[in-house]
Every structure is written in structure tokens, then in C-alpha cells.
Amino acid sequence: MLIVFLGRSVEGIITDARRQFPNEEVTIVARDGDKLPVPEGYTVQSISSFVPKEGVCYIVVANGGTSVQLVTTIKKLVESNCTFSVWDMQRDSVTELWSVNK
């Protein structure tokens, strides 16, 4: 499961992430009450309603959105004892920042 954060450049981030992880389902995590438009064809979850699912491996794209979205999502993944990795995606590089395998 690929997690990206709702922000002004979410569509570009999804495009980059899909290039790197083409077979992953995408979930967009938004701040509670966020009014930014969601790209057509994608689901969005508010940060307070996001609950990691047991047995799912999460790939978090650490670009876009706000610190609240990023930190809260990673905190929930850690507390849920999930398998996940966190990635920084730039035009000239893709870097794995952290990986937790359970």
C-alpha cells in the first residue's frame, strides 16, 4: 500500500511514486478538514481516521503534505507494529529513509 499526502503537488507525487512502485494501491492521507481537491480516482482518508491494517506492507512517500500528516502517519505505523518503509523522491534520486520489517 502506497501512502501519499494530500498537498498542492499530490498528482505529481503520485506520478513519481507510481513510476517507482507501479503495482501498489495508493491511499492519500489528508489533514482533518482539509479542503484541497483530491485527484479523481483516488480515495482519501483523514489523518484521524487512518488506521493501519494488519498484514499490509506500507510504503510512505515523505514528500508533499504537512509535517502533521507525515509524523502522525509514521507514529501510527510504528504503534501498530506494521511493516513499512519511508521514501524521499526527488527528480534525480529516490532514497529509502527508513525501513521496519516485522
PDB file of N, CA and C in Angstrom:
ATOM      1  N   MET A   1       0.855  -1.173   0.000  1.00  0.00           N
ATOM      2  CA  MET A   1       0.000   0.000   0.000  1.00  0.00           C
ATOM      3  C   MET A   1       0.898   1.232   0.000  1.00  0.00           C
ATOM      4  N   LEU A   2       0.687   2.082  -0.947  1.00  0.00           N
ATOM      5  CA  LEU A   2       1.459   3.308  -1.104  1.00  0.00           C
ATOM      6  C   LEU A   2       0.696   4.450  -0.443  1.00  0.00           C
ATOM      7  N   ILE A   3       1.343   5.161   0.475  1.00  0.00           N
ATOM      8  CA  ILE A   3       0.719   6.300   1.154  1.00  0.00           C
ATOM      9  C   ILE A   3       1.377   7.580   0.664  1.00  0.00           C
ATOM     10  N   VAL A   4       0.542   8.491   0.160  1.00  0.00           N
ATOM     11  CA  VAL A   4       0.999   9.837  -0.188  1.00  0.00           C
ATOM     12  C   VAL A   4       0.122  10.819   0.580  1.00  0.00           C
ATOM     13  N   PHE A   5       0.590  12.044   0.685  1.00  0.00           N
ATOM     14  CA  PHE A   5      -0.099  13.046   1.491  1.00  0.00           C
ATOM     15  C   PHE A   5      -0.740  14.106   0.612  1.00  0.00           C
ATOM     16  N   LEU A   6      -1.979  14.458   0.959  1.00  0.00           N
ATOM     17  CA  LEU A   6      -2.695  15.478   0.205  1.00  0.00           C
ATOM     18  C   LEU A   6      -1.983  16.815   0.376  1.00  0.00           C
ATOM     19  N   GLY A   7      -1.635  17.389  -0.743  1.00  0.00           N
ATOM     20  CA  GLY A   7      -0.969  18.683  -0.782  1.00  0.00           C
ATOM     21  C   GLY A   7      -1.144  19.260  -2.176  1.00  0.00           C
ATOM     22  N   ARG A   8      -0.581  20.418  -2.409  1.00  0.00           N
ATOM     23  CA  ARG A   8      -0.758  21.073  -3.706  1.00  0.00           C
ATOM     24  C   ARG A   8      -0.134  20.293  -4.865  1.00  0.00           C
ATOM     25  N   SER A   9       0.882  19.491  -4.604  1.00  0.00           N
ATOM     26  CA  SER A   9       1.566  18.764  -5.682  1.00  0.00           C
ATOM     27  C   SER A   9       1.307  17.259  -5.631  1.00  0.00           C
ATOM     28  N   VAL A  10       0.171  16.848  -5.066  1.00  0.00           N
ATOM     29  CA  VAL A  10      -0.106  15.423  -4.865  1.00  0.00           C
ATOM     30  C   VAL A  10      -0.143  14.644  -6.178  1.00  0.00           C
ATOM     31  N   GLU A  11      -0.666  15.233  -7.241  1.00  0.00           N
ATOM     32  CA  GLU A  11      -0.743  14.496  -8.503  1.00  0.00           C
ATOM     33  C   GLU A  11       0.644  14.170  -9.054  1.00  0.00           C
ATOM     34  N   GLY A  12       1.566  15.117  -8.982  1.00  0.00           N
ATOM     35  CA  GLY A  12       2.940  14.870  -9.434  1.00  0.00           C
ATOM     36  C   GLY A  12       3.635  13.834  -8.573  1.00  0.00           C
ATOM     37  N   ILE A  13       3.381  13.879  -7.271  1.00  0.00           N
ATOM     38  CA  ILE A  13       3.986  12.908  -6.358  1.00  0.00           C
ATOM     39  C   ILE A  13       3.438  11.510  -6.637  1.00  0.00           C
ATOM     40  N   ILE A  14       2.138  11.408  -6.898  1.00  0.00           N
ATOM     41  CA  ILE A  14       1.563  10.109  -7.245  1.00  0.00           C
ATOM     42  C   ILE A  14       2.193   9.573  -8.530  1.00  0.00           C
ATOM     43  N   THR A  15       2.375  10.428  -9.524  1.00  0.00           N
ATOM     44  CA  THR A  15       3.005  10.012 -10.785  1.00  0.00           C
ATOM     45  C   THR A  15       4.406   9.476 -10.542  1.00  0.00           C
ATOM     46  N   ASP A  16       5.199  10.201  -9.752  1.00  0.00           N
ATOM     47  CA  ASP A  16       6.568   9.756  -9.436  1.00  0.00           C
ATOM     48  C   ASP A  16       6.554   8.449  -8.656  1.00  0.00           C
ATOM     49  N   ALA A  17       5.651   8.350  -7.686  1.00  0.00           N
ATOM     50  CA  ALA A  17       5.584   7.148  -6.849  1.00  0.00           C
ATOM     51  C   ALA A  17       5.145   5.937  -7.663  1.00  0.00           C
ATOM     52  N   ARG A  18       4.215   6.129  -8.562  1.00  0.00           N
ATOM     53  CA  ARG A  18       3.749   5.028  -9.419  1.00  0.00           C
ATOM     54  C   ARG A  18       4.871   4.525 -10.333  1.00  0.00           C
ATOM     55  N   ARG A  19       5.745   5.431 -10.761  1.00  0.00           N
ATOM     56  CA  ARG A  19       6.880   5.039 -11.581  1.00  0.00           C
ATOM     57  C   ARG A  19       7.812   4.115 -10.775  1.00  0.00           C
ATOM     58  N   GLN A  20       8.012   4.435  -9.507  1.00  0.00           N
ATOM     59  CA  GLN A  20       8.902   3.662  -8.642  1.00  0.00           C
ATOM     60  C   GLN A  20       8.237   2.388  -8.120  1.00  0.00           C
ATOM     61  N   PHE A  21       6.957   2.464  -7.803  1.00  0.00           N
ATOM     62  CA  PHE A  21       6.205   1.340  -7.221  1.00  0.00           C
ATOM     63  C   PHE A  21       4.924   1.126  -8.041  1.00  0.00           C
ATOM     64  N   PRO A  22       5.033   0.568  -9.248  1.00  0.00           N
ATOM     65  CA  PRO A  22       3.905   0.536 -10.173  1.00  0.00           C
ATOM     66  C   PRO A  22       2.725  -0.345  -9.765  1.00  0.00           C
ATOM     67  N   ASN A  23       2.932  -1.313  -8.932  1.00  0.00           N
ATOM     68  CA  ASN A  23       1.857  -2.255  -8.620  1.00  0.00           C
ATOM     69  C   ASN A  23       1.167  -1.997  -7.287  1.00  0.00           C
ATOM     70  N   GLU A  24       1.478  -0.896  -6.648  1.00  0.00           N
ATOM     71  CA  GLU A  24       0.923  -0.616  -5.327  1.00  0.00           C
ATOM     72  C   GLU A  24      -0.364   0.193  -5.404  1.00  0.00           C
ATOM     73  N   GLU A  25      -1.318  -0.158  -4.557  1.00  0.00           N
ATOM     74  CA  GLU A  25      -2.540   0.627  -4.391  1.00  0.00           C
ATOM     75  C   GLU A  25      -2.161   1.933  -3.692  1.00  0.00           C
ATOM     76  N   VAL A  26      -2.807   3.037  -4.050  1.00  0.00           N
ATOM     77  CA  VAL A  26      -2.496   4.353  -3.482  1.00  0.00           C
ATOM     78  C   VAL A  26      -3.587   4.792  -2.511  1.00  0.00           C
ATOM     79  N   THR A  27      -3.175   5.215  -1.334  1.00  0.00           N
ATOM     80  CA  THR A  27      -4.053   5.867  -0.377  1.00  0.00           C
ATOM     81  C   THR A  27      -3.507   7.264  -0.113  1.00  0.00           C
ATOM     82  N   ILE A  28      -4.383   8.246  -0.154  1.00  0.00           N
ATOM     83  CA  ILE A  28      -3.996   9.630   0.146  1.00  0.00           C
ATOM     84  C   ILE A  28      -4.452   9.947   1.562  1.00  0.00           C
ATOM     85  N   VAL A  29      -3.531  10.437   2.380  1.00  0.00           N
ATOM     86  CA  VAL A  29      -3.840  10.842   3.752  1.00  0.00           C
ATOM     87  C   VAL A  29      -3.870  12.369   3.800  1.00  0.00           C
ATOM     88  N   ALA A  30      -4.970  12.903   4.351  1.00  0.00           N
ATOM     89  CA  ALA A  30      -5.169  14.349   4.418  1.00  0.00           C
ATOM     90  C   ALA A  30      -5.281  14.816   5.864  1.00  0.00           C
ATOM     91  N   ARG A  31      -5.006  16.088   6.068  1.00  0.00           N
ATOM     92  CA  ARG A  31      -5.274  16.677   7.383  1.00  0.00           C
ATOM     93  C   ARG A  31      -6.770  16.654   7.631  1.00  0.00           C
ATOM     94  N   ASP A  32      -7.168  16.573   8.873  1.00  0.00           N
ATOM     95  CA  ASP A  32      -8.589  16.643   9.212  1.00  0.00           C
ATOM     96  C   ASP A  32      -9.141  17.968   8.697  1.00  0.00           C
ATOM     97  N   GLY A  33     -10.255  17.909   7.976  1.00  0.00           N
ATOM     98  CA  GLY A  33     -10.897  19.117   7.464  1.00  0.00           C
ATOM     99  C   GLY A  33     -10.217  19.746   6.267  1.00  0.00           C
ATOM    100  N   ASP A  34      -9.243  19.081   5.672  1.00  0.00           N
ATOM    101  CA  ASP A  34      -8.525  19.642   4.524  1.00  0.00           C
ATOM    102  C   ASP A  34      -9.488  19.878   3.369  1.00  0.00           C
ATOM    103  N   LYS A  35      -9.387  21.019   2.725  1.00  0.00           N
ATOM    104  CA  LYS A  35     -10.277  21.381   1.629  1.00  0.00           C
ATOM    105  C   LYS A  35      -9.611  21.265   0.255  1.00  0.00           C
ATOM    106  N   LEU A  36      -8.350  20.836   0.209  1.00  0.00           N
ATOM    107  CA  LEU A  36      -7.682  20.694  -1.080  1.00  0.00           C
ATOM    108  C   LEU A  36      -8.380  19.625  -1.917  1.00  0.00           C
ATOM    109  N   PRO A  37      -8.431  19.813  -3.225  1.00  0.00           N
ATOM    110  CA  PRO A  37      -9.091  18.813  -4.075  1.00  0.00           C
ATOM    111  C   PRO A  37      -8.299  17.513  -4.122  1.00  0.00           C
ATOM    112  N   VAL A  38      -9.031  16.417  -4.195  1.00  0.00           N
ATOM    113  CA  VAL A  38      -8.442  15.084  -4.285  1.00  0.00           C
ATOM    114  C   VAL A  38      -8.430  14.678  -5.755  1.00  0.00           C
ATOM    115  N   PRO A  39      -7.297  14.181  -6.255  1.00  0.00           N
ATOM    116  CA  PRO A  39      -7.273  13.755  -7.655  1.00  0.00           C
ATOM    117  C   PRO A  39      -8.348  12.705  -7.935  1.00  0.00           C
ATOM    118  N   GLU A  40      -8.953  12.816  -9.102  1.00  0.00           N
ATOM    119  CA  GLU A  40     -10.022  11.895  -9.493  1.00  0.00           C
ATOM    120  C   GLU A  40      -9.514  10.456  -9.519  1.00  0.00           C
ATOM    121  N   GLY A  41     -10.331   9.568  -8.977  1.00  0.00           N
ATOM    122  CA  GLY A  41      -9.998   8.148  -8.992  1.00  0.00           C
ATOM    123  C   GLY A  41      -9.250   7.656  -7.767  1.00  0.00           C
ATOM    124  N   TYR A  42      -8.972   8.539  -6.821  1.00  0.00           N
ATOM    125  CA  TYR A  42      -8.246   8.153  -5.617  1.00  0.00           C
ATOM    126  C   TYR A  42      -9.112   8.331  -4.378  1.00  0.00           C
ATOM    127  N   THR A  43      -8.855   7.504  -3.383  1.00  0.00           N
ATOM    128  CA  THR A  43      -9.547   7.657  -2.112  1.00  0.00           C
ATOM    129  C   THR A  43      -8.676   8.477  -1.176  1.00  0.00           C
ATOM    130  N   VAL A  44      -9.324   9.146  -0.244  1.00  0.00           N
ATOM    131  CA  VAL A  44      -8.597   9.946   0.740  1.00  0.00           C
ATOM    132  C   VAL A  44      -9.102   9.567   2.121  1.00  0.00           C
ATOM    133  N   GLN A  45      -8.174   9.546   3.072  1.00  0.00           N
ATOM    134  CA  GLN A  45      -8.515   9.303   4.477  1.00  0.00           C
ATOM    135  C   GLN A  45      -7.989  10.470   5.288  1.00  0.00           C
ATOM    136  N   SER A  46      -8.784  10.924   6.243  1.00  0.00           N
ATOM    137  CA  SER A  46      -8.269  11.956   7.148  1.00  0.00           C
ATOM    138  C   SER A  46      -7.246  11.299   8.069  1.00  0.00           C
ATOM    139  N   ILE A  47      -6.336  12.079   8.557  1.00  0.00           N
ATOM    140  CA  ILE A  47      -5.286  11.539   9.413  1.00  0.00           C
ATOM    141  C   ILE A  47      -5.874  10.902  10.674  1.00  0.00           C
ATOM    142  N   SER A  48      -6.956  11.459  11.199  1.00  0.00           N
ATOM    143  CA  SER A  48      -7.531  10.879  12.418  1.00  0.00           C
ATOM    144  C   SER A  48      -8.247   9.553  12.145  1.00  0.00           C
ATOM    145  N   SER A  49      -8.702   9.331  10.900  1.00  0.00           N
ATOM    146  CA  SER A  49      -9.388   8.078  10.597  1.00  0.00           C
ATOM    147  C   SER A  49      -8.453   7.003  10.040  1.00  0.00           C
ATOM    148  N   PHE A  50      -7.204   7.364   9.739  1.00  0.00           N
ATOM    149  CA  PHE A  50      -6.267   6.374   9.200  1.00  0.00           C
ATOM    150  C   PHE A  50      -5.874   5.378  10.289  1.00  0.00           C
ATOM    151  N   VAL A  51      -6.143   4.107  10.010  1.00  0.00           N
ATOM    152  CA  VAL A  51      -5.771   3.022  10.918  1.00  0.00           C
ATOM    153  C   VAL A  51      -5.043   1.979  10.078  1.00  0.00           C
ATOM    154  N   PRO A  52      -3.751   1.730  10.369  1.00  0.00           N
ATOM    155  CA  PRO A  52      -3.020   0.720   9.606  1.00  0.00           C
ATOM    156  C   PRO A  52      -3.674  -0.655   9.730  1.00  0.00           C
ATOM    157  N   LYS A  53      -3.678  -1.391   8.625  1.00  0.00           N
ATOM    158  CA  LYS A  53      -4.270  -2.716   8.598  1.00  0.00           C
ATOM    159  C   LYS A  53      -3.199  -3.774   8.836  1.00  0.00           C
ATOM    160  N   GLU A  54      -3.543  -4.751   9.625  1.00  0.00           N
ATOM    161  CA  GLU A  54      -2.628  -5.847   9.914  1.00  0.00           C
ATOM    162  C   GLU A  54      -2.316  -6.604   8.629  1.00  0.00           C
ATOM    163  N   GLY A  55      -1.049  -6.950   8.458  1.00  0.00           N
ATOM    164  CA  GLY A  55      -0.631  -7.739   7.310  1.00  0.00           C
ATOM    165  C   GLY A  55      -0.353  -6.948   6.047  1.00  0.00           C
ATOM    166  N   VAL A  56      -0.544  -5.640   6.085  1.00  0.00           N
ATOM    167  CA  VAL A  56      -0.276  -4.798   4.921  1.00  0.00           C
ATOM    168  C   VAL A  56       1.106  -4.182   5.057  1.00  0.00           C
ATOM    169  N   CYS A  57       1.876  -4.219   3.983  1.00  0.00           N
ATOM    170  CA  CYS A  57       3.180  -3.554   3.951  1.00  0.00           C
ATOM    171  C   CYS A  57       2.967  -2.160   3.369  1.00  0.00           C
ATOM    172  N   TYR A  58       3.350  -1.126   4.114  1.00  0.00           N
ATOM    173  CA  TYR A  58       3.124   0.256   3.707  1.00  0.00           C
ATOM    174  C   TYR A  58       4.396   0.879   3.152  1.00  0.00           C
ATOM    175  N   ILE A  59       4.237   1.656   2.093  1.00  0.00           N
ATOM    176  CA  ILE A  59       5.317   2.449   1.509  1.00  0.00           C
ATOM    177  C   ILE A  59       4.888   3.907   1.640  1.00  0.00           C
ATOM    178  N   VAL A  60       5.595   4.661   2.463  1.00  0.00           N
ATOM    179  CA  VAL A  60       5.241   6.054   2.729  1.00  0.00           C
ATOM    180  C   VAL A  60       6.145   6.960   1.896  1.00  0.00           C
ATOM    181  N   VAL A  61       5.530   7.817   1.079  1.00  0.00           N
ATOM    182  CA  VAL A  61       6.290   8.802   0.319  1.00  0.00           C
ATOM    183  C   VAL A  61       6.342  10.065   1.171  1.00  0.00           C
ATOM    184  N   ALA A  62       7.534  10.424   1.620  1.00  0.00           N
ATOM    185  CA  ALA A  62       7.709  11.512   2.587  1.00  0.00           C
ATOM    186  C   ALA A  62       7.744  12.890   1.929  1.00  0.00           C
ATOM    187  N   ASN A  63       7.166  13.028   0.761  1.00  0.00           N
ATOM    188  CA  ASN A  63       7.111  14.299   0.051  1.00  0.00           C
ATOM    189  C   ASN A  63       5.680  14.830   0.105  1.00  0.00           C
ATOM    190  N   GLY A  64       5.539  16.138   0.027  1.00  0.00           N
ATOM    191  CA  GLY A  64       4.213  16.738  -0.035  1.00  0.00           C
ATOM    192  C   GLY A  64       3.506  16.739   1.313  1.00  0.00           C
ATOM    193  N   GLY A  65       2.358  17.385   1.332  1.00  0.00           N
ATOM    194  CA  GLY A  65       1.587  17.447   2.569  1.00  0.00           C
ATOM    195  C   GLY A  65       2.275  18.285   3.630  1.00  0.00           C
ATOM    196  N   THR A  66       1.926  18.003   4.882  1.00  0.00           N
ATOM    197  CA  THR A  66       2.481  18.749   6.007  1.00  0.00           C
ATOM    198  C   THR A  66       3.165  17.804   6.982  1.00  0.00           C
ATOM    199  N   SER A  67       3.917  18.368   7.902  1.00  0.00           N
ATOM    200  CA  SER A  67       4.592  17.564   8.930  1.00  0.00           C
ATOM    201  C   SER A  67       3.590  16.782   9.770  1.00  0.00           C
ATOM    202  N   VAL A  68       2.422  17.363  10.033  1.00  0.00           N
ATOM    203  CA  VAL A  68       1.401  16.681  10.821  1.00  0.00           C
ATOM    204  C   VAL A  68       0.992  15.376  10.144  1.00  0.00           C
ATOM    205  N   GLN A  69       0.799  15.421   8.833  1.00  0.00           N
ATOM    206  CA  GLN A  69       0.421  14.214   8.105  1.00  0.00           C
ATOM    207  C   GLN A  69       1.530  13.159   8.186  1.00  0.00           C
ATOM    208  N   LEU A  70       2.746  13.566   7.914  1.00  0.00           N
ATOM    209  CA  LEU A  70       3.877  12.642   7.888  1.00  0.00           C
ATOM    210  C   LEU A  70       4.140  12.026   9.258  1.00  0.00           C
ATOM    211  N   VAL A  71       4.324  12.855  10.250  1.00  0.00           N
ATOM    212  CA  VAL A  71       4.694  12.357  11.583  1.00  0.00           C
ATOM    213  C   VAL A  71       3.571  11.510  12.184  1.00  0.00           C
ATOM    214  N   THR A  72       2.340  11.958  12.069  1.00  0.00           N
ATOM    215  CA  THR A  72       1.225  11.206  12.640  1.00  0.00           C
ATOM    216  C   THR A  72       1.068   9.848  11.958  1.00  0.00           C
ATOM    217  N   THR A  73       1.221   9.806  10.647  1.00  0.00           N
ATOM    218  CA  THR A  73       1.121   8.543   9.917  1.00  0.00           C
ATOM    219  C   THR A  73       2.215   7.579  10.342  1.00  0.00           C
ATOM    220  N   ILE A  74       3.448   8.045  10.394  1.00  0.00           N
ATOM    221  CA  ILE A  74       4.551   7.163  10.797  1.00  0.00           C
ATOM    222  C   ILE A  74       4.366   6.698  12.236  1.00  0.00           C
ATOM    223  N   LYS A  75       3.917   7.589  13.105  1.00  0.00           N
ATOM    224  CA  LYS A  75       3.660   7.206  14.501  1.00  0.00           C
ATOM    225  C   LYS A  75       2.626   6.080  14.565  1.00  0.00           C
ATOM    226  N   LYS A  76       1.560   6.202  13.796  1.00  0.00           N
ATOM    227  CA  LYS A  76       0.532   5.157  13.790  1.00  0.00           C
ATOM    228  C   LYS A  76       1.087   3.835  13.251  1.00  0.00           C
ATOM    229  N   LEU A  77       1.929   3.885  12.233  1.00  0.00           N
ATOM    230  CA  LEU A  77       2.534   2.667  11.695  1.00  0.00           C
ATOM    231  C   LEU A  77       3.438   1.993  12.731  1.00  0.00           C
ATOM    232  N   VAL A  78       4.239   2.783  13.419  1.00  0.00           N
ATOM    233  CA  VAL A  78       5.129   2.237  14.458  1.00  0.00           C
ATOM    234  C   VAL A  78       4.303   1.624  15.583  1.00  0.00           C
ATOM    235  N   GLU A  79       3.313   2.348  16.062  1.00  0.00           N
ATOM    236  CA  GLU A  79       2.488   1.863  17.176  1.00  0.00           C
ATOM    237  C   GLU A  79       1.668   0.636  16.803  1.00  0.00           C
ATOM    238  N   SER A  80       1.364   0.468  15.522  1.00  0.00           N
ATOM    239  CA  SER A  80       0.601  -0.694  15.064  1.00  0.00           C
ATOM    240  C   SER A  80       1.492  -1.889  14.756  1.00  0.00           C
ATOM    241  N   ASN A  81       2.801  -1.702  14.923  1.00  0.00           N
ATOM    242  CA  ASN A  81       3.748  -2.802  14.700  1.00  0.00           C
ATOM    243  C   ASN A  81       3.709  -3.287  13.249  1.00  0.00           C
ATOM    244  N   CYS A  82       3.559  -2.354  12.309  1.00  0.00           N
ATOM    245  CA  CYS A  82       3.456  -2.674  10.878  1.00  0.00           C
ATOM    246  C   CYS A  82       4.824  -2.773  10.215  1.00  0.00           C
ATOM    247  N   THR A  83       4.819  -3.437   9.076  1.00  0.00           N
ATOM    248  CA  THR A  83       5.969  -3.410   8.174  1.00  0.00           C
ATOM    249  C   THR A  83       5.791  -2.194   7.273  1.00  0.00           C
ATOM    250  N   PHE A  84       6.834  -1.360   7.184  1.00  0.00           N
ATOM    251  CA  PHE A  84       6.729  -0.180   6.336  1.00  0.00           C
ATOM    252  C   PHE A  84       8.104   0.334   5.954  1.00  0.00           C
ATOM    253  N   SER A  85       8.121   1.168   4.924  1.00  0.00           N
ATOM    254  CA  SER A  85       9.329   1.881   4.538  1.00  0.00           C
ATOM    255  C   SER A  85       8.935   3.317   4.215  1.00  0.00           C
ATOM    256  N   VAL A  86       9.891   4.219   4.380  1.00  0.00           N
ATOM    257  CA  VAL A  86       9.660   5.646   4.141  1.00  0.00           C
ATOM    258  C   VAL A  86      10.657   6.093   3.076  1.00  0.00           C
ATOM    259  N   TRP A  87      10.159   6.795   2.054  1.00  0.00           N
ATOM    260  CA  TRP A  87      10.968   7.166   0.898  1.00  0.00           C
ATOM    261  C   TRP A  87      10.930   8.670   0.630  1.00  0.00           C
ATOM    262  N   ASP A  88      12.056   9.200   0.189  1.00  0.00           N
ATOM    263  CA  ASP A  88      12.164  10.571  -0.306  1.00  0.00           C
ATOM    264  C   ASP A  88      12.332  10.470  -1.816  1.00  0.00           C
ATOM    265  N   MET A  89      11.455  11.110  -2.551  1.00  0.00           N
ATOM    266  CA  MET A  89      11.518  11.057  -4.010  1.00  0.00           C
ATOM    267  C   MET A  89      11.796  12.445  -4.560  1.00  0.00           C
ATOM    268  N   GLN A  90      12.907  12.535  -5.285  1.00  0.00           N
ATOM    269  CA  GLN A  90      13.297  13.768  -5.945  1.00  0.00           C
ATOM    270  C   GLN A  90      13.454  13.476  -7.432  1.00  0.00           C
ATOM    271  N   ARG A  91      13.560  14.512  -8.243  1.00  0.00           N
ATOM    272  CA  ARG A  91      13.688  14.298  -9.694  1.00  0.00           C
ATOM    273  C   ARG A  91      14.915  13.470 -10.041  1.00  0.00           C
ATOM    274  N   ASP A  92      15.997  13.669  -9.319  1.00  0.00           N
ATOM    275  CA  ASP A  92      17.252  12.986  -9.665  1.00  0.00           C
ATOM    276  C   ASP A  92      17.601  11.820  -8.750  1.00  0.00           C
ATOM    277  N   SER A  93      16.752  11.517  -7.774  1.00  0.00           N
ATOM    278  CA  SER A  93      17.071  10.407  -6.873  1.00  0.00           C
ATOM    279  C   SER A  93      15.836   9.935  -6.111  1.00  0.00           C
ATOM    280  N   VAL A  94      15.894   8.679  -5.708  1.00  0.00           N
ATOM    281  CA  VAL A  94      14.884   8.085  -4.835  1.00  0.00           C
ATOM    282  C   VAL A  94      15.664   7.427  -3.702  1.00  0.00           C
ATOM    283  N   THR A  95      15.374   7.845  -2.465  1.00  0.00           N
ATOM    284  CA  THR A  95      16.151   7.381  -1.325  1.00  0.00           C
ATOM    285  C   THR A  95      15.238   6.774  -0.267  1.00  0.00           C
ATOM    286  N   GLU A  96      15.577   5.556   0.150  1.00  0.00           N
ATOM    287  CA  GLU A  96      14.859   4.956   1.267  1.00  0.00           C
ATOM    288  C   GLU A  96      15.419   5.557   2.547  1.00  0.00           C
ATOM    289  N   LEU A  97      14.539   6.164   3.359  1.00  0.00           N
ATOM    290  CA  LEU A  97      14.951   6.827   4.584  1.00  0.00           C
ATOM    291  C   LEU A  97      14.900   5.905   5.797  1.00  0.00           C
ATOM    292  N   TRP A  98      13.949   4.977   5.778  1.00  0.00           N
ATOM    293  CA  TRP A  98      13.762   4.119   6.954  1.00  0.00           C
ATOM    294  C   TRP A  98      12.945   2.918   6.534  1.00  0.00           C
ATOM    295  N   SER A  99      13.240   1.786   7.133  1.00  0.00           N
ATOM    296  CA  SER A  99      12.506   0.567   6.844  1.00  0.00           C
ATOM    297  C   SER A  99      12.323  -0.225   8.126  1.00  0.00           C
ATOM    298  N   VAL A 100      11.103  -0.716   8.343  1.00  0.00           N
ATOM    299  CA  VAL A 100      10.800  -1.551   9.516  1.00  0.00           C
ATOM    300  C   VAL A 100      10.126  -2.806   8.981  1.00  0.00           C
ATOM    301  N   ASN A 101      10.760  -3.954   9.198  1.00  0.00           N
ATOM    302  CA  ASN A 101      10.210  -5.230   8.755  1.00  0.00           C
ATOM    303  C   ASN A 101       9.790  -6.040   9.950  1.00  0.00           C
ATOM    304  N   LYS A 102       8.546  -6.448   9.980  1.00  0.00           N
ATOM    305  CA  LYS A 102       8.011  -7.252  11.093  1.00  0.00           C
ATOM    306  C   LYS A 102       7.753  -8.657  10.633  1.00  0.00           C
TER     307      LYS A 102
END
